[in-house]
PDB file of N, CA and C in Angstrom:
ATOM      1  N   UNK A   1     -12.819 -41.022  27.695  1.00  0.00           N
ATOM      2  CA  UNK A   1     -11.946 -41.577  25.816  1.00  0.00           C
ATOM      3  C   UNK A   1     -11.104 -41.505  26.248  1.00  0.00           C
ATOM      4  N   UNK A   2     -10.752 -41.935  25.072  1.00  0.00           N
ATOM      5  CA  UNK A   2      -9.017 -42.780  24.904  1.00  0.00           C
ATOM      6  C   UNK A   2      -8.821 -41.389  24.490  1.00  0.00           C
ATOM      7  N   UNK A   3      -7.196 -42.251  25.025  1.00  0.00           N
ATOM      8  CA  UNK A   3      -6.148 -41.422  24.453  1.00  0.00           C
ATOM      9  C   UNK A   3      -5.134 -41.394  22.861  1.00  0.00           C
ATOM     10  N   UNK A   4      -5.920 -40.452  21.838  1.00  0.00           N
ATOM     11  CA  UNK A   4      -5.070 -40.760  21.108  1.00  0.00           C
ATOM     12  C   UNK A   4      -3.662 -41.912  20.979  1.00  0.00           C
ATOM     13  N   UNK A   5      -3.790 -42.864  19.526  1.00  0.00           N
ATOM     14  CA  UNK A   5      -1.973 -43.098  19.385  1.00  0.00           C
ATOM     15  C   UNK A   5      -1.527 -42.095  18.714  1.00  0.00           C
ATOM     16  N   UNK A   6      -0.242 -42.632  19.092  1.00  0.00           N
ATOM     17  CA  UNK A   6       0.845 -42.019  19.324  1.00  0.00           C
ATOM     18  C   UNK A   6       1.135 -41.819  17.393  1.00  0.00           C
ATOM     19  N   UNK A   7       0.460 -42.461  16.498  1.00  0.00           N
ATOM     20  CA  UNK A   7       0.914 -42.451  15.024  1.00  0.00           C
ATOM     21  C   UNK A   7      -0.125 -41.249  14.532  1.00  0.00           C
ATOM     22  N   UNK A   8      -1.525 -41.439  15.471  1.00  0.00           N
ATOM     23  CA  UNK A   8      -2.125 -39.917  14.534  1.00  0.00           C
ATOM     24  C   UNK A   8      -2.025 -39.531  15.472  1.00  0.00           C
ATOM     25  N   UNK A   9      -1.517 -38.929  16.293  1.00  0.00           N
ATOM     26  CA  UNK A   9      -0.575 -37.257  17.513  1.00  0.00           C
ATOM     27  C   UNK A   9       0.067 -36.892  16.021  1.00  0.00           C
ATOM     28  N   UNK A  10       1.768 -37.566  15.571  1.00  0.00           N
ATOM     29  CA  UNK A  10       1.713 -38.064  14.704  1.00  0.00           C
ATOM     30  C   UNK A  10       1.637 -36.927  13.690  1.00  0.00           C
ATOM     31  N   UNK A  11       0.851 -37.396  12.773  1.00  0.00           N
ATOM     32  CA  UNK A  11      -0.454 -36.905  11.846  1.00  0.00           C
ATOM     33  C   UNK A  11      -0.304 -36.134  12.459  1.00  0.00           C
ATOM     34  N   UNK A  12      -1.810 -35.744  12.602  1.00  0.00           N
ATOM     35  CA  UNK A  12      -2.012 -34.191  13.228  1.00  0.00           C
ATOM     36  C   UNK A  12      -1.037 -33.078  12.735  1.00  0.00           C
ATOM     37  N   UNK A  13      -0.258 -33.479  13.763  1.00  0.00           N
ATOM     38  CA  UNK A  13       0.960 -32.857  14.173  1.00  0.00           C
ATOM     39  C   UNK A  13       1.306 -32.633  12.825  1.00  0.00           C
ATOM     40  N   UNK A  14       1.648 -33.055  11.857  1.00  0.00           N
ATOM     41  CA  UNK A  14       2.696 -33.164  10.688  1.00  0.00           C
ATOM     42  C   UNK A  14       1.439 -32.485   9.700  1.00  0.00           C
ATOM     43  N   UNK A  15      -0.059 -32.456   9.879  1.00  0.00           N
ATOM     44  CA  UNK A  15      -0.765 -31.797   9.047  1.00  0.00           C
ATOM     45  C   UNK A  15      -0.683 -29.870   9.692  1.00  0.00           C
ATOM     46  N   UNK A  16      -0.823 -30.233  10.881  1.00  0.00           N
ATOM     47  CA  UNK A  16      -0.769 -29.000  11.024  1.00  0.00           C
ATOM     48  C   UNK A  16       0.151 -28.227  10.719  1.00  0.00           C
ATOM     49  N   UNK A  17       2.247 -28.372  10.801  1.00  0.00           N
ATOM     50  CA  UNK A  17       2.849 -27.721  10.398  1.00  0.00           C
ATOM     51  C   UNK A  17       2.761 -28.313   9.148  1.00  0.00           C
ATOM     52  N   UNK A  18       2.961 -28.787   8.276  1.00  0.00           N
ATOM     53  CA  UNK A  18       1.688 -28.217   6.388  1.00  0.00           C
ATOM     54  C   UNK A  18       1.011 -27.427   5.905  1.00  0.00           C
ATOM     55  N   UNK A  19      -0.388 -27.143   7.342  1.00  0.00           N
ATOM     56  CA  UNK A  19      -0.660 -25.738   6.823  1.00  0.00           C
ATOM     57  C   UNK A  19       0.287 -24.737   6.584  1.00  0.00           C
ATOM     58  N   UNK A  20       1.006 -24.711   8.036  1.00  0.00           N
ATOM     59  CA  UNK A  20       1.504 -23.840   8.476  1.00  0.00           C
ATOM     60  C   UNK A  20       2.325 -23.349   7.696  1.00  0.00           C
ATOM     61  N   UNK A  21       3.119 -24.184   6.994  1.00  0.00           N
ATOM     62  CA  UNK A  21       4.526 -23.776   6.148  1.00  0.00           C
ATOM     63  C   UNK A  21       3.514 -23.621   4.554  1.00  0.00           C
ATOM     64  N   UNK A  22       2.306 -23.800   4.770  1.00  0.00           N
ATOM     65  CA  UNK A  22       1.424 -23.619   3.081  1.00  0.00           C
ATOM     66  C   UNK A  22       1.097 -22.158   3.042  1.00  0.00           C
ATOM     67  N   UNK A  23       0.720 -21.453   4.958  1.00  0.00           N
ATOM     68  CA  UNK A  23       0.268 -20.224   4.584  1.00  0.00           C
ATOM     69  C   UNK A  23       1.556 -19.359   4.989  1.00  0.00           C
ATOM     70  N   UNK A  24       2.374 -19.710   4.861  1.00  0.00           N
ATOM     71  CA  UNK A  24       3.300 -19.179   5.501  1.00  0.00           C
ATOM     72  C   UNK A  24       4.805 -18.324   4.028  1.00  0.00           C
ATOM     73  N   UNK A  25       4.634 -19.584   3.199  1.00  0.00           N
ATOM     74  CA  UNK A  25       4.412 -19.647   2.209  1.00  0.00           C
ATOM     75  C   UNK A  25       3.379 -18.716   1.241  1.00  0.00           C
ATOM     76  N   UNK A  26       2.433 -18.299   1.093  1.00  0.00           N
ATOM     77  CA  UNK A  26       1.451 -17.693   0.197  1.00  0.00           C
ATOM     78  C   UNK A  26       1.447 -16.477   0.331  1.00  0.00           C
ATOM     79  N   UNK A  27       1.759 -16.399   1.982  1.00  0.00           N
ATOM     80  CA  UNK A  27       2.295 -14.148   3.191  1.00  0.00           C
ATOM     81  C   UNK A  27       3.540 -14.557   2.288  1.00  0.00           C
ATOM     82  N   UNK A  28       4.782 -15.003   1.683  1.00  0.00           N
ATOM     83  CA  UNK A  28       6.039 -14.129   1.670  1.00  0.00           C
ATOM     84  C   UNK A  28       5.963 -14.235  -0.418  1.00  0.00           C
ATOM     85  N   UNK A  29       5.063 -15.342  -1.385  1.00  0.00           N
ATOM     86  CA  UNK A  29       4.702 -14.846  -1.801  1.00  0.00           C
ATOM     87  C   UNK A  29       4.304 -13.261  -2.920  1.00  0.00           C
ATOM     88  N   UNK A  30       3.065 -12.694  -1.625  1.00  0.00           N
ATOM     89  CA  UNK A  30       2.019 -11.815  -1.049  1.00  0.00           C
ATOM     90  C   UNK A  30       3.869 -10.465  -1.611  1.00  0.00           C
ATOM     91  N   UNK A  31       3.884 -10.329  -0.831  1.00  0.00           N
ATOM     92  CA  UNK A  31       5.389  -9.743  -0.121  1.00  0.00           C
ATOM     93  C   UNK A  31       6.205  -9.497  -1.200  1.00  0.00           C
ATOM     94  N   UNK A  32       6.366 -10.685  -1.612  1.00  0.00           N
ATOM     95  CA  UNK A  32       7.297 -10.865  -3.342  1.00  0.00           C
ATOM     96  C   UNK A  32       6.331  -9.680  -4.466  1.00  0.00           C
ATOM     97  N   UNK A  33       5.054 -10.205  -4.407  1.00  0.00           N
ATOM     98  CA  UNK A  33       4.803  -9.774  -4.874  1.00  0.00           C
ATOM     99  C   UNK A  33       4.813  -7.292  -4.767  1.00  0.00           C
ATOM    100  N   UNK A  34       4.763  -7.591  -3.519  1.00  0.00           N
ATOM    101  CA  UNK A  34       4.398  -5.745  -3.658  1.00  0.00           C
ATOM    102  C   UNK A  34       5.650  -5.500  -3.685  1.00  0.00           C
ATOM    103  N   UNK A  35       6.993  -6.917  -3.671  1.00  0.00           N
ATOM    104  CA  UNK A  35       8.429  -5.577  -3.535  1.00  0.00           C
ATOM    105  C   UNK A  35       8.752  -5.456  -5.244  1.00  0.00           C
ATOM    106  N   UNK A  36       7.954  -6.570  -5.979  1.00  0.00           N
ATOM    107  CA  UNK A  36       8.705  -6.297  -6.889  1.00  0.00           C
ATOM    108  C   UNK A  36       7.295  -5.706  -8.300  1.00  0.00           C
ATOM    109  N   UNK A  37       6.714  -5.083  -6.890  1.00  0.00           N
ATOM    110  CA  UNK A  37       6.105  -4.066  -8.418  1.00  0.00           C
ATOM    111  C   UNK A  37       4.952  -4.613  -8.635  1.00  0.00           C
ATOM    112  N   UNK A  38       4.015  -6.076  -8.467  1.00  0.00           N
ATOM    113  CA  UNK A  38       3.248  -6.988  -9.045  1.00  0.00           C
ATOM    114  C   UNK A  38       1.679  -6.247  -8.438  1.00  0.00           C
ATOM    115  N   UNK A  39       2.130  -4.424  -8.697  1.00  0.00           N
ATOM    116  CA  UNK A  39       0.318  -4.236  -7.624  1.00  0.00           C
ATOM    117  C   UNK A  39      -0.999  -5.081  -8.819  1.00  0.00           C
ATOM    118  N   UNK A  40      -1.903  -4.600  -8.439  1.00  0.00           N
ATOM    119  CA  UNK A  40      -2.834  -4.224  -8.994  1.00  0.00           C
ATOM    120  C   UNK A  40      -2.886  -3.154  -9.739  1.00  0.00           C
ATOM    121  N   UNK A  41      -2.769  -2.521 -10.794  1.00  0.00           N
ATOM    122  CA  UNK A  41      -2.869  -1.480 -11.119  1.00  0.00           C
ATOM    123  C   UNK A  41      -4.860  -1.435 -11.299  1.00  0.00           C
ATOM    124  N   UNK A  42      -5.188  -2.338 -11.483  1.00  0.00           N
ATOM    125  CA  UNK A  42      -6.616  -1.553 -11.916  1.00  0.00           C
ATOM    126  C   UNK A  42      -7.485  -1.048 -10.392  1.00  0.00           C
ATOM    127  N   UNK A  43      -6.949  -1.190  -9.648  1.00  0.00           N
ATOM    128  CA  UNK A  43      -7.942  -0.999  -8.092  1.00  0.00           C
ATOM    129  C   UNK A  43      -7.328   0.615  -8.016  1.00  0.00           C
ATOM    130  N   UNK A  44      -6.535   0.751  -8.240  1.00  0.00           N
ATOM    131  CA  UNK A  44      -6.515   2.335  -8.371  1.00  0.00           C
ATOM    132  C   UNK A  44      -6.534   3.239  -9.643  1.00  0.00           C
ATOM    133  N   UNK A  45      -7.088   2.214 -11.229  1.00  0.00           N
ATOM    134  CA  UNK A  45      -7.032   3.547 -12.277  1.00  0.00           C
ATOM    135  C   UNK A  45      -7.895   4.742 -11.669  1.00  0.00           C
ATOM    136  N   UNK A  46      -9.425   3.577 -11.009  1.00  0.00           N
ATOM    137  CA  UNK A  46     -10.358   4.857 -11.423  1.00  0.00           C
ATOM    138  C   UNK A  46     -10.060   5.487 -10.449  1.00  0.00           C
ATOM    139  N   UNK A  47      -9.405   5.385  -9.392  1.00  0.00           N
ATOM    140  CA  UNK A  47      -8.851   7.130  -8.448  1.00  0.00           C
ATOM    141  C   UNK A  47      -8.203   7.805  -8.290  1.00  0.00           C
ATOM    142  N   UNK A  48      -7.416   6.630  -9.240  1.00  0.00           N
ATOM    143  CA  UNK A  48      -6.241   8.383 -10.030  1.00  0.00           C
ATOM    144  C   UNK A  48      -5.530   9.396 -10.608  1.00  0.00           C
ATOM    145  N   UNK A  49      -6.577   9.698 -10.961  1.00  0.00           N
ATOM    146  CA  UNK A  49      -7.033  10.007 -12.975  1.00  0.00           C
ATOM    147  C   UNK A  49      -6.400  12.025 -12.083  1.00  0.00           C
ATOM    148  N   UNK A  50      -6.475  12.892 -11.175  1.00  0.00           N
ATOM    149  CA  UNK A  50      -6.390  13.638 -11.019  1.00  0.00           C
ATOM    150  C   UNK A  50      -5.250  13.621 -10.951  1.00  0.00           C
ATOM    151  N   UNK A  51      -4.308  13.215  -9.938  1.00  0.00           N
ATOM    152  CA  UNK A  51      -3.051  12.490  -9.676  1.00  0.00           C
ATOM    153  C   UNK A  51      -2.130  12.282 -11.162  1.00  0.00           C
ATOM    154  N   UNK A  52      -2.354  10.822 -11.912  1.00  0.00           N
ATOM    155  CA  UNK A  52      -2.106  11.168 -13.217  1.00  0.00           C
ATOM    156  C   UNK A  52      -1.862  12.866 -14.133  1.00  0.00           C
ATOM    157  N   UNK A  53      -3.311  13.492 -14.754  1.00  0.00           N
ATOM    158  CA  UNK A  53      -3.241  14.614 -15.190  1.00  0.00           C
ATOM    159  C   UNK A  53      -2.084  15.123 -14.407  1.00  0.00           C
ATOM    160  N   UNK A  54      -1.677  15.612 -13.562  1.00  0.00           N
ATOM    161  CA  UNK A  54      -0.314  16.324 -13.506  1.00  0.00           C
ATOM    162  C   UNK A  54       0.877  16.079 -12.990  1.00  0.00           C
ATOM    163  N   UNK A  55       0.143  14.681 -14.055  1.00  0.00           N
ATOM    164  CA  UNK A  55       1.962  13.797 -13.811  1.00  0.00           C
ATOM    165  C   UNK A  55       2.577  13.470 -12.519  1.00  0.00           C
ATOM    166  N   UNK A  56       1.800  12.144 -11.909  1.00  0.00           N
ATOM    167  CA  UNK A  56       2.537  12.177 -10.347  1.00  0.00           C
ATOM    168  C   UNK A  56       3.008  10.299 -10.656  1.00  0.00           C
ATOM    169  N   UNK A  57       3.920  10.336 -10.091  1.00  0.00           N
ATOM    170  CA  UNK A  57       4.256   8.890 -10.864  1.00  0.00           C
ATOM    171  C   UNK A  57       3.513   7.802  -9.784  1.00  0.00           C
ATOM    172  N   UNK A  58       3.981   7.053 -10.497  1.00  0.00           N
ATOM    173  CA  UNK A  58       2.389   5.670  -9.592  1.00  0.00           C
ATOM    174  C   UNK A  58       3.123   5.493  -8.365  1.00  0.00           C
ATOM    175  N   UNK A  59       3.741   4.721  -8.152  1.00  0.00           N
ATOM    176  CA  UNK A  59       3.530   4.856  -6.777  1.00  0.00           C
ATOM    177  C   UNK A  59       3.771   6.537  -5.202  1.00  0.00           C
ATOM    178  N   UNK A  60       3.617   7.595  -6.390  1.00  0.00           N
ATOM    179  CA  UNK A  60       3.112   8.412  -5.756  1.00  0.00           C
ATOM    180  C   UNK A  60       1.836   8.616  -5.273  1.00  0.00           C
ATOM    181  N   UNK A  61       1.843   8.887  -6.577  1.00  0.00           N
ATOM    182  CA  UNK A  61      -0.282   7.846  -6.607  1.00  0.00           C
ATOM    183  C   UNK A  61      -0.758   7.719  -5.500  1.00  0.00           C
ATOM    184  N   UNK A  62      -0.532   5.986  -5.598  1.00  0.00           N
ATOM    185  CA  UNK A  62      -0.455   4.999  -4.933  1.00  0.00           C
ATOM    186  C   UNK A  62      -0.597   5.304  -3.718  1.00  0.00           C
ATOM    187  N   UNK A  63       0.529   5.540  -3.095  1.00  0.00           N
ATOM    188  CA  UNK A  63       0.705   6.169  -1.612  1.00  0.00           C
ATOM    189  C   UNK A  63      -0.909   7.850  -0.802  1.00  0.00           C
ATOM    190  N   UNK A  64      -0.748   8.215  -2.286  1.00  0.00           N
ATOM    191  CA  UNK A  64      -2.192   9.317  -1.183  1.00  0.00           C
ATOM    192  C   UNK A  64      -3.368   8.632  -0.979  1.00  0.00           C
ATOM    193  N   UNK A  65      -3.598   7.430  -2.719  1.00  0.00           N
ATOM    194  CA  UNK A  65      -4.591   6.984  -2.705  1.00  0.00           C
ATOM    195  C   UNK A  65      -5.048   5.666  -1.688  1.00  0.00           C
ATOM    196  N   UNK A  66      -3.436   5.504  -1.090  1.00  0.00           N
ATOM    197  CA  UNK A  66      -4.319   4.563   0.255  1.00  0.00           C
ATOM    198  C   UNK A  66      -3.697   5.097   1.595  1.00  0.00           C
ATOM    199  N   UNK A  67      -3.521   6.875   1.425  1.00  0.00           N
ATOM    200  CA  UNK A  67      -4.059   7.535   2.450  1.00  0.00           C
ATOM    201  C   UNK A  67      -5.267   8.086   2.202  1.00  0.00           C
ATOM    202  N   UNK A  68      -6.438   7.845   1.690  1.00  0.00           N
ATOM    203  CA  UNK A  68      -7.683   8.085   1.164  1.00  0.00           C
ATOM    204  C   UNK A  68      -7.178   9.673   0.877  1.00  0.00           C
ATOM    205  N   UNK A  69      -6.419  10.129  -0.277  1.00  0.00           N
ATOM    206  CA  UNK A  69      -6.000  11.877  -1.064  1.00  0.00           C
ATOM    207  C   UNK A  69      -6.759  11.543  -2.200  1.00  0.00           C
ATOM    208  N   UNK A  70      -8.172  11.735  -3.025  1.00  0.00           N
ATOM    209  CA  UNK A  70      -8.589  11.826  -4.166  1.00  0.00           C
ATOM    210  C   UNK A  70      -8.130  12.062  -5.059  1.00  0.00           C
ATOM    211  N   UNK A  71      -8.274  13.859  -3.806  1.00  0.00           N
ATOM    212  CA  UNK A  71      -7.886  15.046  -5.138  1.00  0.00           C
ATOM    213  C   UNK A  71      -6.908  16.008  -4.650  1.00  0.00           C
ATOM    214  N   UNK A  72      -6.775  17.117  -5.367  1.00  0.00           N
ATOM    215  CA  UNK A  72      -5.769  18.182  -4.593  1.00  0.00           C
ATOM    216  C   UNK A  72      -6.134  19.197  -2.987  1.00  0.00           C
ATOM    217  N   UNK A  73      -7.558  18.765  -3.668  1.00  0.00           N
ATOM    218  CA  UNK A  73      -8.279  19.743  -2.426  1.00  0.00           C
ATOM    219  C   UNK A  73      -7.763  19.162  -0.882  1.00  0.00           C
ATOM    220  N   UNK A  74      -7.483  17.264  -1.581  1.00  0.00           N
ATOM    221  CA  UNK A  74      -7.963  16.338   0.272  1.00  0.00           C
ATOM    222  C   UNK A  74      -6.574  16.885   1.118  1.00  0.00           C
ATOM    223  N   UNK A  75      -5.525  17.476  -0.050  1.00  0.00           N
ATOM    224  CA  UNK A  75      -4.694  17.795   0.870  1.00  0.00           C
ATOM    225  C   UNK A  75      -3.737  18.423   1.602  1.00  0.00           C
ATOM    226  N   UNK A  76      -5.095  19.605   2.457  1.00  0.00           N
ATOM    227  CA  UNK A  76      -5.543  20.152   3.345  1.00  0.00           C
ATOM    228  C   UNK A  76      -4.897  19.758   4.237  1.00  0.00           C
ATOM    229  N   UNK A  77      -5.753  18.741   4.344  1.00  0.00           N
ATOM    230  CA  UNK A  77      -5.716  17.515   6.193  1.00  0.00           C
ATOM    231  C   UNK A  77      -4.750  17.294   6.474  1.00  0.00           C
ATOM    232  N   UNK A  78      -3.338  17.011   5.789  1.00  0.00           N
ATOM    233  CA  UNK A  78      -1.895  16.794   5.559  1.00  0.00           C
ATOM    234  C   UNK A  78      -1.180  17.263   5.781  1.00  0.00           C
ATOM    235  N   UNK A  79       0.296  17.963   6.736  1.00  0.00           N
ATOM    236  CA  UNK A  79       0.693  18.676   6.373  1.00  0.00           C
ATOM    237  C   UNK A  79       2.035  17.499   6.067  1.00  0.00           C
ATOM    238  N   UNK A  80       2.950  19.302   4.837  1.00  0.00           N
ATOM    239  CA  UNK A  80       4.250  18.254   4.473  1.00  0.00           C
ATOM    240  C   UNK A  80       4.296  17.134   5.128  1.00  0.00           C
ATOM    241  N   UNK A  81       5.207  17.392   6.061  1.00  0.00           N
ATOM    242  CA  UNK A  81       5.453  16.245   6.508  1.00  0.00           C
ATOM    243  C   UNK A  81       5.222  14.836   6.746  1.00  0.00           C
ATOM    244  N   UNK A  82       4.018  15.122   7.222  1.00  0.00           N
ATOM    245  CA  UNK A  82       2.720  13.887   6.822  1.00  0.00           C
ATOM    246  C   UNK A  82       3.008  13.041   5.445  1.00  0.00           C
ATOM    247  N   UNK A  83       3.309  14.467   4.385  1.00  0.00           N
ATOM    248  CA  UNK A  83       3.514  13.894   3.250  1.00  0.00           C
ATOM    249  C   UNK A  83       4.774  13.133   3.066  1.00  0.00           C
ATOM    250  N   UNK A  84       5.681  13.737   3.309  1.00  0.00           N
ATOM    251  CA  UNK A  84       7.534  13.661   2.844  1.00  0.00           C
ATOM    252  C   UNK A  84       7.161  12.262   3.524  1.00  0.00           C
ATOM    253  N   UNK A  85       6.439  11.812   4.358  1.00  0.00           N
ATOM    254  CA  UNK A  85       6.346  10.657   5.059  1.00  0.00           C
ATOM    255  C   UNK A  85       5.579   9.542   5.304  1.00  0.00           C
ATOM    256  N   UNK A  86       4.478   9.267   3.902  1.00  0.00           N
ATOM    257  CA  UNK A  86       3.632   8.384   2.873  1.00  0.00           C
ATOM    258  C   UNK A  86       4.838   7.755   2.544  1.00  0.00           C
ATOM    259  N   UNK A  87       4.960   6.382   2.057  1.00  0.00           N
ATOM    260  CA  UNK A  87       6.399   5.380   1.136  1.00  0.00           C
ATOM    261  C   UNK A  87       5.918   5.797  -0.215  1.00  0.00           C
ATOM    262  N   UNK A  88       6.288   5.754  -1.332  1.00  0.00           N
ATOM    263  CA  UNK A  88       6.425   6.410  -2.351  1.00  0.00           C
ATOM    264  C   UNK A  88       6.276   8.208  -2.437  1.00  0.00           C
ATOM    265  N   UNK A  89       6.401   8.629  -1.762  1.00  0.00           N
ATOM    266  CA  UNK A  89       6.781  10.274  -1.372  1.00  0.00           C
ATOM    267  C   UNK A  89       8.388  10.376  -2.109  1.00  0.00           C
ATOM    268  N   UNK A  90       8.039  10.961  -3.245  1.00  0.00           N
ATOM    269  CA  UNK A  90       9.825  11.468  -3.446  1.00  0.00           C
ATOM    270  C   UNK A  90      10.118  13.234  -3.472  1.00  0.00           C
ATOM    271  N   UNK A  91      10.764  13.567  -3.442  1.00  0.00           N
ATOM    272  CA  UNK A  91      11.126  15.015  -3.456  1.00  0.00           C
ATOM    273  C   UNK A  91      10.540  15.403  -5.400  1.00  0.00           C
ATOM    274  N   UNK A  92      10.553  14.171  -6.493  1.00  0.00           N
ATOM    275  CA  UNK A  92       9.829  14.487  -7.573  1.00  0.00           C
ATOM    276  C   UNK A  92       8.314  15.447  -6.626  1.00  0.00           C
ATOM    277  N   UNK A  93       7.355  13.803  -6.267  1.00  0.00           N
ATOM    278  CA  UNK A  93       7.108  14.072  -6.659  1.00  0.00           C
ATOM    279  C   UNK A  93       5.753  15.274  -5.649  1.00  0.00           C
ATOM    280  N   UNK A  94       6.984  15.154  -4.449  1.00  0.00           N
ATOM    281  CA  UNK A  94       6.263  16.519  -3.472  1.00  0.00           C
ATOM    282  C   UNK A  94       6.182  17.956  -3.884  1.00  0.00           C
ATOM    283  N   UNK A  95       7.421  18.098  -4.729  1.00  0.00           N
ATOM    284  CA  UNK A  95       7.776  19.436  -6.187  1.00  0.00           C
ATOM    285  C   UNK A  95       6.319  19.683  -6.746  1.00  0.00           C
ATOM    286  N   UNK A  96       6.016  18.367  -7.518  1.00  0.00           N
ATOM    287  CA  UNK A  96       5.184  18.847  -8.387  1.00  0.00           C
ATOM    288  C   UNK A  96       3.478  19.529  -7.588  1.00  0.00           C
ATOM    289  N   UNK A  97       3.191  18.121  -6.399  1.00  0.00           N
ATOM    290  CA  UNK A  97       2.220  18.750  -5.469  1.00  0.00           C
ATOM    291  C   UNK A  97       1.893  20.001  -4.761  1.00  0.00           C
ATOM    292  N   UNK A  98       3.590  20.858  -4.682  1.00  0.00           N
ATOM    293  CA  UNK A  98       3.193  22.013  -4.124  1.00  0.00           C
ATOM    294  C   UNK A  98       3.172  22.697  -5.046  1.00  0.00           C
ATOM    295  N   UNK A  99       3.970  22.664  -6.815  1.00  0.00           N
ATOM    296  CA  UNK A  99       2.694  23.329  -7.589  1.00  0.00           C
ATOM    297  C   UNK A  99       1.474  23.142  -7.617  1.00  0.00           C
ATOM    298  N   UNK A 100       1.092  22.807  -7.503  1.00  0.00           N
ATOM    299  CA  UNK A 100      -0.351  22.172  -7.897  1.00  0.00           C
ATOM    300  C   UNK A 100      -1.315  23.233  -6.940  1.00  0.00           C
ATOM    301  N   UNK A 101      -1.004  22.754  -5.608  1.00  0.00           N
ATOM    302  CA  UNK A 101      -1.492  24.125  -4.617  1.00  0.00           C
ATOM    303  C   UNK A 101      -0.967  25.085  -4.817  1.00  0.00           C
ATOM    304  N   UNK A 102       0.373  25.885  -5.299  1.00  0.00           N
ATOM    305  CA  UNK A 102       0.375  27.259  -6.009  1.00  0.00           C
ATOM    306  C   UNK A 102      -1.025  27.282  -6.636  1.00  0.00           C
ATOM    307  N   UNK A 103      -1.100  27.033  -7.806  1.00  0.00           N
ATOM    308  CA  UNK A 103      -1.327  27.304  -8.587  1.00  0.00           C
ATOM    309  C   UNK A 103      -2.891  27.833  -8.341  1.00  0.00           C
ATOM    310  N   UNK A 104      -3.358  26.375  -7.350  1.00  0.00           N
ATOM    311  CA  UNK A 104      -5.141  26.530  -6.597  1.00  0.00           C
ATOM    312  C   UNK A 104      -5.233  27.251  -5.134  1.00  0.00           C
ATOM    313  N   UNK A 105      -4.350  28.622  -4.979  1.00  0.00           N
ATOM    314  CA  UNK A 105      -4.057  28.916  -3.672  1.00  0.00           C
ATOM    315  C   UNK A 105      -4.474  27.871  -2.223  1.00  0.00           C
ATOM    316  N   UNK A 106      -4.638  26.435  -2.409  1.00  0.00           N
ATOM    317  CA  UNK A 106      -4.235  25.612  -1.672  1.00  0.00           C
ATOM    318  C   UNK A 106      -3.162  25.556  -0.662  1.00  0.00           C
ATOM    319  N   UNK A 107      -3.324  25.680   1.033  1.00  0.00           N
ATOM    320  CA  UNK A 107      -2.155  24.991   1.747  1.00  0.00           C
ATOM    321  C   UNK A 107      -2.054  23.824   2.216  1.00  0.00           C
ATOM    322  N   UNK A 108      -1.067  23.792   3.078  1.00  0.00           N
ATOM    323  CA  UNK A 108      -0.556  22.885   3.579  1.00  0.00           C
ATOM    324  C   UNK A 108      -2.054  22.702   5.625  1.00  0.00           C
ATOM    325  N   UNK A 109      -1.938  21.076   5.586  1.00  0.00           N
ATOM    326  CA  UNK A 109      -2.203  21.779   7.464  1.00  0.00           C
ATOM    327  C   UNK A 109      -1.097  22.093   7.716  1.00  0.00           C
ATOM    328  N   UNK A 110      -1.262  22.931   9.292  1.00  0.00           N
ATOM    329  CA  UNK A 110       0.215  23.109   9.651  1.00  0.00           C
ATOM    330  C   UNK A 110       0.476  22.035  11.540  1.00  0.00           C
TER     331      UNK A 110
END
């Protein structure tokens, strides 16, 4: 098998580096969109009705849904400490959730 020419090797390297740079730029753009709040709200709109009704802010609703918690009774599955660790859960959201759980006589997992 013939050894590829130096020009061909250089061309292949530049194509590979260009593709890597494109992937890196796409990943950075995605990260920037997440940081600046460009989240697809439609994906959450179908399942966040319960959380919206009790007055939770969007970051808290998304955090609960991303963790697989779709209704108040699902909060039995997690501890208060684990809930506080979720990104997007602030003190106001915790206060609202605890109040709703007390109304329905539900407790966090120990």
